[in-house]
Amino acid sequence: MWNTFIALGDSIVEGVGDIYPGYENKGWVDLVAKELIKLSPDMKYYNFGVGGSTIEEVINTQVKKALNKNPDLITLTIGGNDARNPRWTPSIFSQRYSDLINSLILPDLTLVTMTYPNTNISKENLIEKYDDTPRTKGWLLYFRRMKKINQIIRRISIDNDIFCMEFEDFEPARDPQNLSQDMVHPNSRGYWYAANYIIELFKTHFGLADLTW
């Protein structure tokens, strides 16, 4: 088991989202950390995720702060806000994501990456919500970019032999009951499903048979 777990990233890491009745108001990182601490009560945990963060902000403000804590487990979820940049390109994102990964490949440090869920929101869904406006076109562009970002995250993780938690086809993310009103962030029920899935991934990949949920 690990001694210090740190989560880096954006609002999905911070746990931004609506409250769903009957579900604890916590993000997936907090829920997973809670279970890991049951296995290792002395484990330290820090959530450095900040809503709105881009890859540059993680590199410039989160990495140094994290490494100063001497972590042996880091989870990284980043890219969603980069997709909103009008000047975004796959090549620039790929280079900066590689730079970020390289800064976190250290001896005795387990690095875990994560792709973003595809909420399967159609053009018809968007038109129903926003009409056929530039806002709808903006959302469609955003979803296309997110698919490319997932491809980049997946490829660089494989190239560096890093465990990538695959969420692109995560079925609960396609259920509107698990999403916040903004259609991007999970609500507390959605985070619960994500945490449950991640715990199963950790049990299988890291052999944590005693990890419960």
N, C-alpha and C. Protein backbone atom coordinates (compact mmCIF):
# COMPACT_ATOMS: atom_id res chain seq x y z
N MET A 1 0.84 -1.21 0.00
CA MET A 1 0.00 0.00 0.00
C MET A 1 0.87 1.25 0.00
N TRP A 2 0.18 2.37 -0.20
CA TRP A 2 0.89 3.63 -0.33
C TRP A 2 0.87 4.40 0.98
N ASN A 3 1.85 5.31 1.10
CA ASN A 3 1.95 6.14 2.30
C ASN A 3 1.31 7.51 2.11
N THR A 4 1.42 8.05 0.88
CA THR A 4 0.88 9.39 0.61
C THR A 4 0.21 9.41 -0.76
N PHE A 5 -1.07 9.70 -0.78
CA PHE A 5 -1.87 9.75 -2.01
C PHE A 5 -2.21 11.20 -2.30
N ILE A 6 -1.90 11.64 -3.53
CA ILE A 6 -2.21 13.00 -3.95
C ILE A 6 -2.96 12.95 -5.28
N ALA A 7 -4.03 13.73 -5.37
CA ALA A 7 -4.81 13.83 -6.60
C ALA A 7 -4.55 15.19 -7.23
N LEU A 8 -4.21 15.18 -8.52
CA LEU A 8 -3.96 16.41 -9.28
C LEU A 8 -5.00 16.55 -10.37
N GLY A 9 -5.37 17.79 -10.68
CA GLY A 9 -6.28 17.97 -11.80
C GLY A 9 -7.25 19.12 -11.67
N ASP A 10 -8.41 18.91 -12.24
CA ASP A 10 -9.40 19.98 -12.42
C ASP A 10 -10.62 19.78 -11.53
N SER A 11 -11.76 20.28 -11.96
CA SER A 11 -12.98 20.21 -11.15
C SER A 11 -13.47 18.78 -10.94
N ILE A 12 -13.16 17.88 -11.87
CA ILE A 12 -13.55 16.48 -11.71
C ILE A 12 -12.81 15.87 -10.52
N VAL A 13 -11.61 16.38 -10.26
CA VAL A 13 -10.83 15.94 -9.10
C VAL A 13 -11.31 16.66 -7.84
N GLU A 14 -11.53 17.96 -7.96
CA GLU A 14 -12.01 18.73 -6.81
C GLU A 14 -13.35 18.19 -6.31
N GLY A 15 -14.17 17.70 -7.23
CA GLY A 15 -15.47 17.14 -6.85
C GLY A 15 -16.63 18.09 -7.08
N VAL A 16 -16.47 19.00 -8.05
CA VAL A 16 -17.53 19.97 -8.35
C VAL A 16 -18.73 19.24 -8.96
N GLY A 17 -19.92 19.56 -8.48
CA GLY A 17 -21.12 18.94 -9.02
C GLY A 17 -22.31 19.16 -8.13
N ASP A 18 -23.48 18.91 -8.67
CA ASP A 18 -24.72 19.08 -7.91
C ASP A 18 -24.90 17.96 -6.88
N ILE A 19 -25.67 18.26 -5.86
CA ILE A 19 -26.00 17.24 -4.85
C ILE A 19 -27.19 16.42 -5.34
N TYR A 20 -27.09 15.11 -5.21
CA TYR A 20 -28.19 14.21 -5.54
C TYR A 20 -28.70 13.62 -4.22
N PRO A 21 -29.98 13.74 -3.93
CA PRO A 21 -30.50 13.27 -2.64
C PRO A 21 -30.13 11.81 -2.37
N GLY A 22 -29.67 11.57 -1.15
CA GLY A 22 -29.35 10.21 -0.73
C GLY A 22 -27.91 9.81 -0.96
N TYR A 23 -27.12 10.70 -1.59
CA TYR A 23 -25.72 10.39 -1.86
C TYR A 23 -24.83 11.44 -1.20
N GLU A 24 -23.75 10.97 -0.59
CA GLU A 24 -22.83 11.84 0.13
C GLU A 24 -22.26 12.89 -0.83
N ASN A 25 -22.17 14.12 -0.37
CA ASN A 25 -21.69 15.22 -1.22
C ASN A 25 -20.17 15.22 -1.27
N LYS A 26 -19.62 14.22 -1.95
CA LYS A 26 -18.17 14.08 -2.11
C LYS A 26 -17.87 13.66 -3.54
N GLY A 27 -16.68 14.06 -4.01
CA GLY A 27 -16.22 13.63 -5.33
C GLY A 27 -15.62 12.24 -5.27
N TRP A 28 -15.29 11.71 -6.45
CA TRP A 28 -14.77 10.34 -6.50
C TRP A 28 -13.44 10.21 -5.77
N VAL A 29 -12.61 11.25 -5.83
CA VAL A 29 -11.29 11.16 -5.20
C VAL A 29 -11.44 11.01 -3.69
N ASP A 30 -12.27 11.84 -3.09
CA ASP A 30 -12.47 11.76 -1.65
C ASP A 30 -13.04 10.40 -1.24
N LEU A 31 -13.96 9.87 -2.04
CA LEU A 31 -14.56 8.58 -1.72
C LEU A 31 -13.56 7.44 -1.84
N VAL A 32 -12.73 7.47 -2.88
CA VAL A 32 -11.71 6.43 -3.04
C VAL A 32 -10.66 6.54 -1.94
N ALA A 33 -10.24 7.76 -1.62
CA ALA A 33 -9.24 7.94 -0.56
C ALA A 33 -9.76 7.40 0.77
N LYS A 34 -11.02 7.63 1.04
CA LYS A 34 -11.64 7.15 2.27
C LYS A 34 -11.50 5.63 2.39
N GLU A 35 -11.68 4.91 1.29
CA GLU A 35 -11.56 3.45 1.30
C GLU A 35 -10.11 3.01 1.40
N LEU A 36 -9.21 3.72 0.72
CA LEU A 36 -7.79 3.38 0.81
C LEU A 36 -7.27 3.56 2.23
N ILE A 37 -7.75 4.59 2.90
CA ILE A 37 -7.31 4.86 4.27
C ILE A 37 -7.79 3.76 5.22
N LYS A 38 -8.92 3.14 4.89
CA LYS A 38 -9.37 2.02 5.72
C LYS A 38 -8.35 0.88 5.68
N LEU A 39 -7.73 0.69 4.51
CA LEU A 39 -6.71 -0.35 4.38
C LEU A 39 -5.40 0.06 5.02
N SER A 40 -5.10 1.35 4.96
CA SER A 40 -3.84 1.87 5.47
C SER A 40 -4.12 3.15 6.27
N PRO A 41 -4.48 3.00 7.55
CA PRO A 41 -4.93 4.15 8.35
C PRO A 41 -3.91 5.28 8.47
N ASP A 42 -2.64 4.99 8.27
CA ASP A 42 -1.61 6.03 8.37
C ASP A 42 -1.37 6.77 7.05
N MET A 43 -2.07 6.37 6.01
CA MET A 43 -1.86 7.01 4.71
C MET A 43 -2.32 8.47 4.74
N LYS A 44 -1.49 9.35 4.21
CA LYS A 44 -1.84 10.76 4.08
C LYS A 44 -2.49 10.98 2.71
N TYR A 45 -3.42 11.92 2.67
CA TYR A 45 -4.16 12.18 1.44
C TYR A 45 -4.33 13.67 1.23
N TYR A 46 -4.03 14.11 0.00
CA TYR A 46 -4.18 15.52 -0.37
C TYR A 46 -4.88 15.60 -1.72
N ASN A 47 -5.92 16.41 -1.78
CA ASN A 47 -6.61 16.66 -3.03
C ASN A 47 -6.26 18.07 -3.49
N PHE A 48 -5.42 18.16 -4.54
CA PHE A 48 -4.98 19.45 -5.05
C PHE A 48 -5.77 19.88 -6.28
N GLY A 49 -6.82 19.14 -6.62
CA GLY A 49 -7.62 19.50 -7.79
C GLY A 49 -8.31 20.85 -7.61
N VAL A 50 -8.30 21.65 -8.66
CA VAL A 50 -8.92 22.98 -8.64
C VAL A 50 -9.77 23.14 -9.89
N GLY A 51 -11.03 23.48 -9.70
CA GLY A 51 -11.92 23.71 -10.82
C GLY A 51 -11.37 24.75 -11.78
N GLY A 52 -11.47 24.48 -13.06
CA GLY A 52 -10.99 25.40 -14.08
C GLY A 52 -9.55 25.21 -14.47
N SER A 53 -8.83 24.32 -13.80
CA SER A 53 -7.41 24.14 -14.08
C SER A 53 -7.17 23.59 -15.48
N THR A 54 -6.13 24.11 -16.12
CA THR A 54 -5.65 23.60 -17.39
C THR A 54 -4.36 22.83 -17.14
N ILE A 55 -3.85 22.22 -18.19
CA ILE A 55 -2.61 21.46 -18.04
C ILE A 55 -1.46 22.37 -17.60
N GLU A 56 -1.43 23.61 -18.09
CA GLU A 56 -0.37 24.54 -17.69
C GLU A 56 -0.45 24.87 -16.20
N GLU A 57 -1.66 25.00 -15.71
CA GLU A 57 -1.82 25.33 -14.29
C GLU A 57 -1.44 24.16 -13.40
N VAL A 58 -1.69 22.94 -13.86
CA VAL A 58 -1.23 21.79 -13.09
C VAL A 58 0.29 21.76 -13.07
N ILE A 59 0.92 21.98 -14.22
CA ILE A 59 2.38 22.00 -14.29
C ILE A 59 2.97 23.10 -13.41
N ASN A 60 2.35 24.28 -13.46
CA ASN A 60 2.94 25.45 -12.79
C ASN A 60 2.59 25.57 -11.32
N THR A 61 1.45 25.00 -10.89
CA THR A 61 1.03 25.24 -9.51
C THR A 61 0.81 23.98 -8.68
N GLN A 62 0.51 22.87 -9.34
CA GLN A 62 0.17 21.67 -8.55
C GLN A 62 1.32 20.68 -8.41
N VAL A 63 2.15 20.54 -9.43
CA VAL A 63 3.19 19.50 -9.41
C VAL A 63 4.20 19.72 -8.29
N LYS A 64 4.76 20.91 -8.21
CA LYS A 64 5.76 21.17 -7.18
C LYS A 64 5.18 20.98 -5.78
N LYS A 65 3.98 21.48 -5.58
CA LYS A 65 3.32 21.35 -4.28
C LYS A 65 3.13 19.87 -3.94
N ALA A 66 2.79 19.08 -4.95
CA ALA A 66 2.58 17.65 -4.73
C ALA A 66 3.88 16.94 -4.40
N LEU A 67 4.90 17.18 -5.21
CA LEU A 67 6.17 16.47 -5.02
C LEU A 67 6.84 16.82 -3.70
N ASN A 68 6.55 18.00 -3.19
CA ASN A 68 7.08 18.38 -1.87
C ASN A 68 6.52 17.51 -0.75
N LYS A 69 5.42 16.83 -1.01
CA LYS A 69 4.80 15.95 -0.01
C LYS A 69 5.35 14.52 -0.09
N ASN A 70 6.28 14.27 -1.03
CA ASN A 70 6.87 12.94 -1.21
C ASN A 70 5.81 11.86 -1.40
N PRO A 71 4.94 12.02 -2.39
CA PRO A 71 3.87 11.02 -2.58
C PRO A 71 4.42 9.73 -3.19
N ASP A 72 3.71 8.64 -2.93
CA ASP A 72 4.01 7.41 -3.65
C ASP A 72 2.82 6.94 -4.48
N LEU A 73 1.73 7.73 -4.46
CA LEU A 73 0.59 7.52 -5.37
C LEU A 73 0.06 8.87 -5.81
N ILE A 74 -0.02 9.08 -7.13
CA ILE A 74 -0.62 10.29 -7.69
C ILE A 74 -1.63 9.88 -8.75
N THR A 75 -2.82 10.46 -8.68
CA THR A 75 -3.79 10.33 -9.77
C THR A 75 -3.85 11.67 -10.50
N LEU A 76 -3.98 11.61 -11.82
CA LEU A 76 -3.97 12.81 -12.65
C LEU A 76 -5.17 12.81 -13.59
N THR A 77 -5.97 13.87 -13.50
CA THR A 77 -7.12 14.05 -14.39
C THR A 77 -7.09 15.47 -14.92
N ILE A 78 -6.69 15.64 -16.18
CA ILE A 78 -6.56 16.99 -16.73
C ILE A 78 -6.80 16.97 -18.24
N GLY A 79 -7.33 18.08 -18.75
CA GLY A 79 -7.55 18.22 -20.18
C GLY A 79 -8.88 18.83 -20.53
N GLY A 80 -9.86 18.69 -19.65
CA GLY A 80 -11.20 19.18 -19.95
C GLY A 80 -11.28 20.67 -20.20
N ASN A 81 -10.53 21.44 -19.44
CA ASN A 81 -10.57 22.90 -19.61
C ASN A 81 -9.69 23.35 -20.78
N ASP A 82 -8.66 22.57 -21.08
CA ASP A 82 -7.83 22.89 -22.24
C ASP A 82 -8.66 22.86 -23.52
N ALA A 83 -9.64 21.96 -23.56
CA ALA A 83 -10.47 21.81 -24.76
C ALA A 83 -11.29 23.06 -25.06
N ARG A 84 -11.41 23.96 -24.09
CA ARG A 84 -12.18 25.19 -24.28
C ARG A 84 -11.34 26.32 -24.89
N ASN A 85 -10.04 26.12 -24.96
CA ASN A 85 -9.15 27.17 -25.47
C ASN A 85 -9.30 27.27 -26.98
N PRO A 86 -9.63 28.46 -27.51
CA PRO A 86 -9.79 28.60 -28.97
C PRO A 86 -8.54 28.21 -29.74
N ARG A 87 -7.36 28.30 -29.09
CA ARG A 87 -6.09 27.99 -29.78
C ARG A 87 -5.63 26.56 -29.52
N TRP A 88 -6.51 25.74 -28.96
CA TRP A 88 -6.13 24.35 -28.66
C TRP A 88 -5.79 23.59 -29.93
N THR A 89 -4.70 22.81 -29.85
CA THR A 89 -4.36 21.88 -30.94
C THR A 89 -3.93 20.56 -30.32
N PRO A 90 -4.18 19.45 -31.02
CA PRO A 90 -3.75 18.15 -30.49
C PRO A 90 -2.25 18.07 -30.26
N SER A 91 -1.46 18.67 -31.15
CA SER A 91 -0.01 18.56 -31.04
C SER A 91 0.52 19.29 -29.80
N ILE A 92 0.00 20.48 -29.54
CA ILE A 92 0.46 21.23 -28.35
C ILE A 92 0.02 20.51 -27.09
N PHE A 93 -1.23 20.04 -27.05
CA PHE A 93 -1.69 19.33 -25.86
C PHE A 93 -0.86 18.07 -25.63
N SER A 94 -0.59 17.34 -26.70
CA SER A 94 0.20 16.11 -26.58
C SER A 94 1.58 16.39 -26.00
N GLN A 95 2.22 17.45 -26.48
CA GLN A 95 3.56 17.79 -25.98
C GLN A 95 3.52 18.18 -24.51
N ARG A 96 2.55 18.98 -24.12
CA ARG A 96 2.49 19.44 -22.73
C ARG A 96 2.06 18.31 -21.79
N TYR A 97 1.19 17.43 -22.29
CA TYR A 97 0.81 16.28 -21.47
C TYR A 97 2.02 15.37 -21.27
N SER A 98 2.81 15.18 -22.31
CA SER A 98 4.05 14.40 -22.18
C SER A 98 5.00 15.04 -21.17
N ASP A 99 5.12 16.37 -21.25
CA ASP A 99 5.99 17.08 -20.30
C ASP A 99 5.51 16.86 -18.87
N LEU A 100 4.20 16.94 -18.67
CA LEU A 100 3.64 16.75 -17.34
C LEU A 100 3.89 15.32 -16.84
N ILE A 101 3.63 14.35 -17.68
CA ILE A 101 3.86 12.95 -17.30
C ILE A 101 5.32 12.72 -16.94
N ASN A 102 6.21 13.25 -17.77
CA ASN A 102 7.65 13.06 -17.51
C ASN A 102 8.08 13.65 -16.17
N SER A 103 7.43 14.72 -15.75
CA SER A 103 7.78 15.34 -14.47
C SER A 103 7.31 14.51 -13.29
N LEU A 104 6.41 13.56 -13.55
CA LEU A 104 5.83 12.75 -12.48
C LEU A 104 6.31 11.30 -12.50
N ILE A 105 7.14 10.95 -13.47
CA ILE A 105 7.70 9.59 -13.52
C ILE A 105 8.94 9.57 -12.63
N LEU A 106 8.77 9.07 -11.42
CA LEU A 106 9.84 9.08 -10.42
C LEU A 106 9.92 7.70 -9.77
N PRO A 107 11.10 7.36 -9.25
CA PRO A 107 11.22 6.07 -8.57
C PRO A 107 10.24 5.98 -7.39
N ASP A 108 9.66 4.82 -7.22
CA ASP A 108 8.77 4.54 -6.09
C ASP A 108 7.51 5.40 -6.08
N LEU A 109 7.15 5.97 -7.23
CA LEU A 109 5.91 6.74 -7.34
C LEU A 109 4.99 6.05 -8.34
N THR A 110 3.80 5.68 -7.88
CA THR A 110 2.78 5.11 -8.76
C THR A 110 1.94 6.24 -9.33
N LEU A 111 1.95 6.36 -10.65
CA LEU A 111 1.18 7.39 -11.33
C LEU A 111 0.00 6.74 -12.05
N VAL A 112 -1.18 7.30 -11.84
CA VAL A 112 -2.40 6.78 -12.46
C VAL A 112 -3.08 7.91 -13.22
N THR A 113 -3.37 7.68 -14.50
CA THR A 113 -4.04 8.69 -15.31
C THR A 113 -5.50 8.30 -15.51
N MET A 114 -6.23 9.15 -16.21
CA MET A 114 -7.68 8.92 -16.35
C MET A 114 -8.19 9.60 -17.60
N THR A 115 -8.95 8.88 -18.42
CA THR A 115 -9.66 9.50 -19.53
C THR A 115 -10.99 10.05 -19.02
N TYR A 116 -11.60 10.90 -19.84
CA TYR A 116 -12.86 11.55 -19.45
C TYR A 116 -14.06 10.78 -19.98
N PRO A 117 -15.15 10.77 -19.23
CA PRO A 117 -16.36 10.08 -19.70
C PRO A 117 -16.96 10.75 -20.92
N ASN A 118 -17.51 9.93 -21.79
CA ASN A 118 -18.33 10.41 -22.90
C ASN A 118 -19.78 10.38 -22.44
N THR A 119 -20.37 11.55 -22.23
CA THR A 119 -21.74 11.61 -21.72
C THR A 119 -22.78 11.31 -22.80
N ASN A 120 -22.30 11.17 -24.05
CA ASN A 120 -23.18 10.78 -25.15
C ASN A 120 -24.31 11.78 -25.38
N ILE A 121 -24.01 13.06 -25.13
CA ILE A 121 -25.01 14.10 -25.39
C ILE A 121 -25.03 14.39 -26.88
N SER A 122 -26.18 14.24 -27.50
CA SER A 122 -26.29 14.37 -28.96
C SER A 122 -26.54 15.82 -29.36
N LYS A 123 -26.40 16.06 -30.65
CA LYS A 123 -26.71 17.38 -31.20
C LYS A 123 -28.16 17.74 -30.91
N GLU A 124 -29.05 16.73 -31.00
CA GLU A 124 -30.47 16.96 -30.74
C GLU A 124 -30.70 17.39 -29.28
N ASN A 125 -29.96 16.74 -28.34
CA ASN A 125 -30.06 17.13 -26.93
C ASN A 125 -29.64 18.59 -26.74
N LEU A 126 -28.56 18.98 -27.41
CA LEU A 126 -28.05 20.33 -27.26
C LEU A 126 -29.00 21.36 -27.88
N ILE A 127 -29.54 21.04 -29.04
CA ILE A 127 -30.47 21.97 -29.68
C ILE A 127 -31.72 22.14 -28.83
N GLU A 128 -32.16 21.04 -28.21
CA GLU A 128 -33.33 21.12 -27.33
C GLU A 128 -33.05 22.05 -26.15
N LYS A 129 -31.81 22.04 -25.66
CA LYS A 129 -31.47 22.86 -24.49
C LYS A 129 -31.11 24.30 -24.87
N TYR A 130 -30.35 24.47 -25.97
CA TYR A 130 -29.81 25.79 -26.31
C TYR A 130 -30.30 26.33 -27.66
N ASP A 131 -31.15 25.59 -28.36
CA ASP A 131 -31.53 25.90 -29.73
C ASP A 131 -30.30 25.75 -30.65
N ASP A 132 -30.48 25.99 -31.91
CA ASP A 132 -29.37 25.84 -32.87
C ASP A 132 -28.58 27.15 -32.91
N THR A 133 -27.77 27.34 -31.87
CA THR A 133 -27.06 28.60 -31.66
C THR A 133 -25.55 28.34 -31.66
N PRO A 134 -24.74 29.41 -31.66
CA PRO A 134 -23.29 29.21 -31.53
C PRO A 134 -22.91 28.42 -30.28
N ARG A 135 -23.72 28.52 -29.24
CA ARG A 135 -23.42 27.76 -28.02
C ARG A 135 -23.50 26.26 -28.29
N THR A 136 -24.49 25.84 -29.04
CA THR A 136 -24.61 24.43 -29.41
C THR A 136 -23.40 24.00 -30.24
N LYS A 137 -23.01 24.82 -31.21
CA LYS A 137 -21.84 24.49 -32.04
C LYS A 137 -20.57 24.42 -31.18
N GLY A 138 -20.49 25.29 -30.18
CA GLY A 138 -19.34 25.27 -29.27
C GLY A 138 -19.27 23.97 -28.47
N TRP A 139 -20.41 23.51 -28.01
CA TRP A 139 -20.43 22.25 -27.27
C TRP A 139 -20.03 21.08 -28.15
N LEU A 140 -20.50 21.06 -29.38
CA LEU A 140 -20.15 19.97 -30.29
C LEU A 140 -18.65 19.95 -30.57
N LEU A 141 -18.06 21.13 -30.73
CA LEU A 141 -16.61 21.22 -30.90
C LEU A 141 -15.89 20.72 -29.67
N TYR A 142 -16.40 21.09 -28.50
CA TYR A 142 -15.80 20.66 -27.23
C TYR A 142 -15.80 19.13 -27.12
N PHE A 143 -16.91 18.50 -27.44
CA PHE A 143 -16.99 17.04 -27.34
C PHE A 143 -16.05 16.35 -28.33
N ARG A 144 -15.90 16.92 -29.52
CA ARG A 144 -14.94 16.35 -30.49
C ARG A 144 -13.53 16.45 -29.96
N ARG A 145 -13.21 17.59 -29.37
CA ARG A 145 -11.86 17.76 -28.81
C ARG A 145 -11.62 16.82 -27.64
N MET A 146 -12.64 16.60 -26.81
CA MET A 146 -12.47 15.70 -25.68
C MET A 146 -12.16 14.28 -26.14
N LYS A 147 -12.72 13.87 -27.25
CA LYS A 147 -12.41 12.54 -27.79
C LYS A 147 -10.93 12.47 -28.16
N LYS A 148 -10.41 13.53 -28.78
CA LYS A 148 -9.00 13.56 -29.14
C LYS A 148 -8.12 13.60 -27.89
N ILE A 149 -8.56 14.36 -26.88
CA ILE A 149 -7.79 14.42 -25.64
C ILE A 149 -7.71 13.05 -24.99
N ASN A 150 -8.80 12.32 -24.98
CA ASN A 150 -8.77 10.96 -24.44
C ASN A 150 -7.79 10.08 -25.21
N GLN A 151 -7.76 10.22 -26.53
CA GLN A 151 -6.83 9.44 -27.33
C GLN A 151 -5.38 9.75 -26.95
N ILE A 152 -5.11 11.03 -26.71
CA ILE A 152 -3.75 11.44 -26.34
C ILE A 152 -3.38 10.91 -24.95
N ILE A 153 -4.29 11.06 -24.00
CA ILE A 153 -4.04 10.56 -22.64
C ILE A 153 -3.76 9.05 -22.68
N ARG A 154 -4.58 8.34 -23.43
CA ARG A 154 -4.46 6.88 -23.54
C ARG A 154 -3.11 6.50 -24.16
N ARG A 155 -2.76 7.16 -25.26
CA ARG A 155 -1.52 6.81 -25.97
C ARG A 155 -0.28 7.09 -25.12
N ILE A 156 -0.23 8.25 -24.50
CA ILE A 156 0.94 8.61 -23.72
C ILE A 156 1.04 7.73 -22.47
N SER A 157 -0.08 7.37 -21.90
CA SER A 157 -0.06 6.47 -20.75
C SER A 157 0.50 5.11 -21.14
N ILE A 158 0.04 4.58 -22.26
CA ILE A 158 0.53 3.28 -22.74
C ILE A 158 2.03 3.36 -23.05
N ASP A 159 2.44 4.43 -23.72
CA ASP A 159 3.86 4.58 -24.09
C ASP A 159 4.76 4.61 -22.87
N ASN A 160 4.24 5.10 -21.75
CA ASN A 160 5.05 5.22 -20.53
C ASN A 160 4.72 4.14 -19.50
N ASP A 161 3.95 3.13 -19.91
CA ASP A 161 3.58 2.01 -19.03
C ASP A 161 2.91 2.51 -17.76
N ILE A 162 1.97 3.44 -17.93
CA ILE A 162 1.23 4.02 -16.81
C ILE A 162 -0.19 3.47 -16.83
N PHE A 163 -0.70 3.14 -15.66
CA PHE A 163 -2.07 2.64 -15.55
C PHE A 163 -3.05 3.79 -15.81
N CYS A 164 -3.85 3.64 -16.88
CA CYS A 164 -4.85 4.64 -17.23
C CYS A 164 -6.23 4.10 -16.91
N MET A 165 -6.95 4.78 -16.05
CA MET A 165 -8.32 4.39 -15.73
C MET A 165 -9.21 4.82 -16.89
N GLU A 166 -9.77 3.86 -17.58
CA GLU A 166 -10.52 4.13 -18.80
C GLU A 166 -11.97 4.46 -18.49
N PHE A 167 -12.36 5.71 -18.81
CA PHE A 167 -13.71 6.17 -18.50
C PHE A 167 -14.51 6.58 -19.73
N GLU A 168 -13.92 6.51 -20.92
CA GLU A 168 -14.63 7.04 -22.09
C GLU A 168 -15.97 6.34 -22.32
N ASP A 169 -16.01 5.05 -22.06
CA ASP A 169 -17.24 4.30 -22.27
C ASP A 169 -17.94 3.94 -20.97
N PHE A 170 -17.73 4.77 -19.95
CA PHE A 170 -18.32 4.53 -18.64
C PHE A 170 -19.83 4.75 -18.72
N GLU A 171 -20.59 3.67 -18.61
CA GLU A 171 -22.04 3.71 -18.88
C GLU A 171 -22.81 4.66 -17.96
N PRO A 172 -22.54 4.71 -16.64
CA PRO A 172 -23.31 5.62 -15.79
C PRO A 172 -23.21 7.09 -16.20
N ALA A 173 -22.14 7.48 -16.91
CA ALA A 173 -22.00 8.87 -17.35
C ALA A 173 -23.00 9.21 -18.44
N ARG A 174 -23.63 8.21 -19.02
CA ARG A 174 -24.61 8.44 -20.08
C ARG A 174 -26.04 8.54 -19.55
N ASP A 175 -26.18 8.41 -18.24
CA ASP A 175 -27.48 8.53 -17.59
C ASP A 175 -27.62 9.96 -17.06
N PRO A 176 -28.56 10.75 -17.57
CA PRO A 176 -28.71 12.14 -17.12
C PRO A 176 -28.91 12.27 -15.60
N GLN A 177 -29.42 11.21 -14.96
CA GLN A 177 -29.61 11.27 -13.51
C GLN A 177 -28.28 11.34 -12.76
N ASN A 178 -27.19 11.01 -13.42
CA ASN A 178 -25.88 11.02 -12.77
C ASN A 178 -25.07 12.26 -13.11
N LEU A 179 -25.68 13.21 -13.84
CA LEU A 179 -24.98 14.42 -14.26
C LEU A 179 -25.56 15.65 -13.57
N SER A 180 -24.69 16.64 -13.40
CA SER A 180 -25.14 17.94 -12.92
C SER A 180 -25.88 18.68 -14.04
N GLN A 181 -26.48 19.79 -13.71
CA GLN A 181 -27.25 20.54 -14.69
C GLN A 181 -26.39 21.04 -15.85
N ASP A 182 -25.08 21.20 -15.61
CA ASP A 182 -24.21 21.71 -16.68
C ASP A 182 -23.89 20.65 -17.73
N MET A 183 -24.30 19.40 -17.51
CA MET A 183 -24.13 18.29 -18.44
C MET A 183 -22.67 17.85 -18.60
N VAL A 184 -21.78 18.38 -17.79
CA VAL A 184 -20.36 18.03 -17.85
C VAL A 184 -19.92 17.31 -16.58
N HIS A 185 -20.24 17.90 -15.43
CA HIS A 185 -19.80 17.33 -14.17
C HIS A 185 -20.78 16.27 -13.66
N PRO A 186 -20.25 15.22 -13.06
CA PRO A 186 -21.15 14.29 -12.37
C PRO A 186 -21.83 15.01 -11.20
N ASN A 187 -22.98 14.51 -10.78
CA ASN A 187 -23.53 14.93 -9.49
C ASN A 187 -23.03 13.96 -8.43
N SER A 188 -23.50 14.08 -7.20
CA SER A 188 -22.96 13.23 -6.14
C SER A 188 -23.26 11.75 -6.40
N ARG A 189 -24.36 11.47 -7.06
CA ARG A 189 -24.64 10.08 -7.43
C ARG A 189 -23.67 9.60 -8.51
N GLY A 190 -23.38 10.46 -9.48
CA GLY A 190 -22.42 10.12 -10.53
C GLY A 190 -21.03 9.87 -9.97
N TYR A 191 -20.61 10.70 -9.02
CA TYR A 191 -19.30 10.49 -8.38
C TYR A 191 -19.27 9.18 -7.60
N TRP A 192 -20.40 8.81 -7.00
CA TRP A 192 -20.47 7.54 -6.27
C TRP A 192 -20.24 6.37 -7.21
N TYR A 193 -20.89 6.41 -8.38
CA TYR A 193 -20.68 5.35 -9.37
C TYR A 193 -19.23 5.32 -9.85
N ALA A 194 -18.66 6.51 -10.07
CA ALA A 194 -17.26 6.57 -10.52
C ALA A 194 -16.32 5.99 -9.46
N ALA A 195 -16.54 6.34 -8.20
CA ALA A 195 -15.69 5.82 -7.12
C ALA A 195 -15.79 4.30 -7.03
N ASN A 196 -16.99 3.79 -7.15
CA ASN A 196 -17.20 2.34 -7.11
C ASN A 196 -16.41 1.65 -8.22
N TYR A 197 -16.47 2.23 -9.42
CA TYR A 197 -15.76 1.68 -10.57
C TYR A 197 -14.24 1.74 -10.36
N ILE A 198 -13.76 2.86 -9.85
CA ILE A 198 -12.32 3.03 -9.63
C ILE A 198 -11.81 2.07 -8.57
N ILE A 199 -12.57 1.88 -7.54
CA ILE A 199 -12.16 0.92 -6.50
C ILE A 199 -12.02 -0.48 -7.11
N GLU A 200 -12.93 -0.86 -7.98
CA GLU A 200 -12.82 -2.16 -8.64
C GLU A 200 -11.58 -2.21 -9.54
N LEU A 201 -11.29 -1.12 -10.24
CA LEU A 201 -10.09 -1.07 -11.06
C LEU A 201 -8.83 -1.21 -10.20
N PHE A 202 -8.79 -0.52 -9.08
CA PHE A 202 -7.64 -0.60 -8.18
C PHE A 202 -7.48 -2.01 -7.62
N LYS A 203 -8.59 -2.63 -7.24
CA LYS A 203 -8.53 -3.98 -6.71
C LYS A 203 -7.91 -4.94 -7.72
N THR A 204 -8.33 -4.80 -8.97
CA THR A 204 -7.85 -5.70 -10.01
C THR A 204 -6.41 -5.39 -10.40
N HIS A 205 -6.12 -4.11 -10.67
CA HIS A 205 -4.81 -3.76 -11.21
C HIS A 205 -3.70 -3.85 -10.16
N PHE A 206 -4.02 -3.45 -8.93
CA PHE A 206 -2.99 -3.42 -7.90
C PHE A 206 -3.09 -4.58 -6.92
N GLY A 207 -4.02 -5.49 -7.16
CA GLY A 207 -4.14 -6.67 -6.31
C GLY A 207 -4.59 -6.36 -4.90
N LEU A 208 -5.48 -5.39 -4.74
CA LEU A 208 -5.93 -4.98 -3.42
C LEU A 208 -7.23 -5.73 -3.06
N ALA A 209 -7.07 -7.01 -2.79
CA ALA A 209 -8.24 -7.85 -2.56
C ALA A 209 -9.08 -7.40 -1.37
N ASP A 210 -8.45 -6.76 -0.38
CA ASP A 210 -9.16 -6.34 0.82
C ASP A 210 -9.85 -4.99 0.69
N LEU A 211 -9.66 -4.33 -0.46
CA LEU A 211 -10.29 -3.03 -0.67
C LEU A 211 -11.79 -3.25 -0.84
N THR A 212 -12.59 -2.59 -0.01
CA THR A 212 -14.04 -2.80 -0.01
C THR A 212 -14.77 -1.53 -0.43
N TRP A 213 -16.06 -1.69 -0.64
CA TRP A 213 -16.90 -0.53 -0.98
C TRP A 213 -18.28 -0.75 -0.41
